[in-house]
Amino acid sequence: YVIEHPRNESENWLVQTVANQAKQVGIEMPEVAIYDSHEINAFAKGTSKNNSLVAVSSGLLHNMTLDEADAVLAQEVSHV
């Protein structure tokens, strides 16, 4: 699901982290999504750097530290 309005601390952290990273690299804020999977995974997609989405699995959120997740998100934002 795409996070329209963060519903909890984890979603808020995720959206804020992607927003900060997007700002650092000078792109528009991607949509941020979470998909249900026990696997630790993330991906980025989009038609341009100003029309994109960054998605993470629920497994990533539940099994990685914030520092680890931050590094994965930085990698995905760099793909946008």
Foldseek 3Di string as FASTA:
>chain_A
DWPPDDDDPLSVLQQVLQCVLCVVVVEARETEEEDEDLDFDKAKDAPDRHYIYIYTYVNNSVPDDPVVVSVVSNVRNVVD
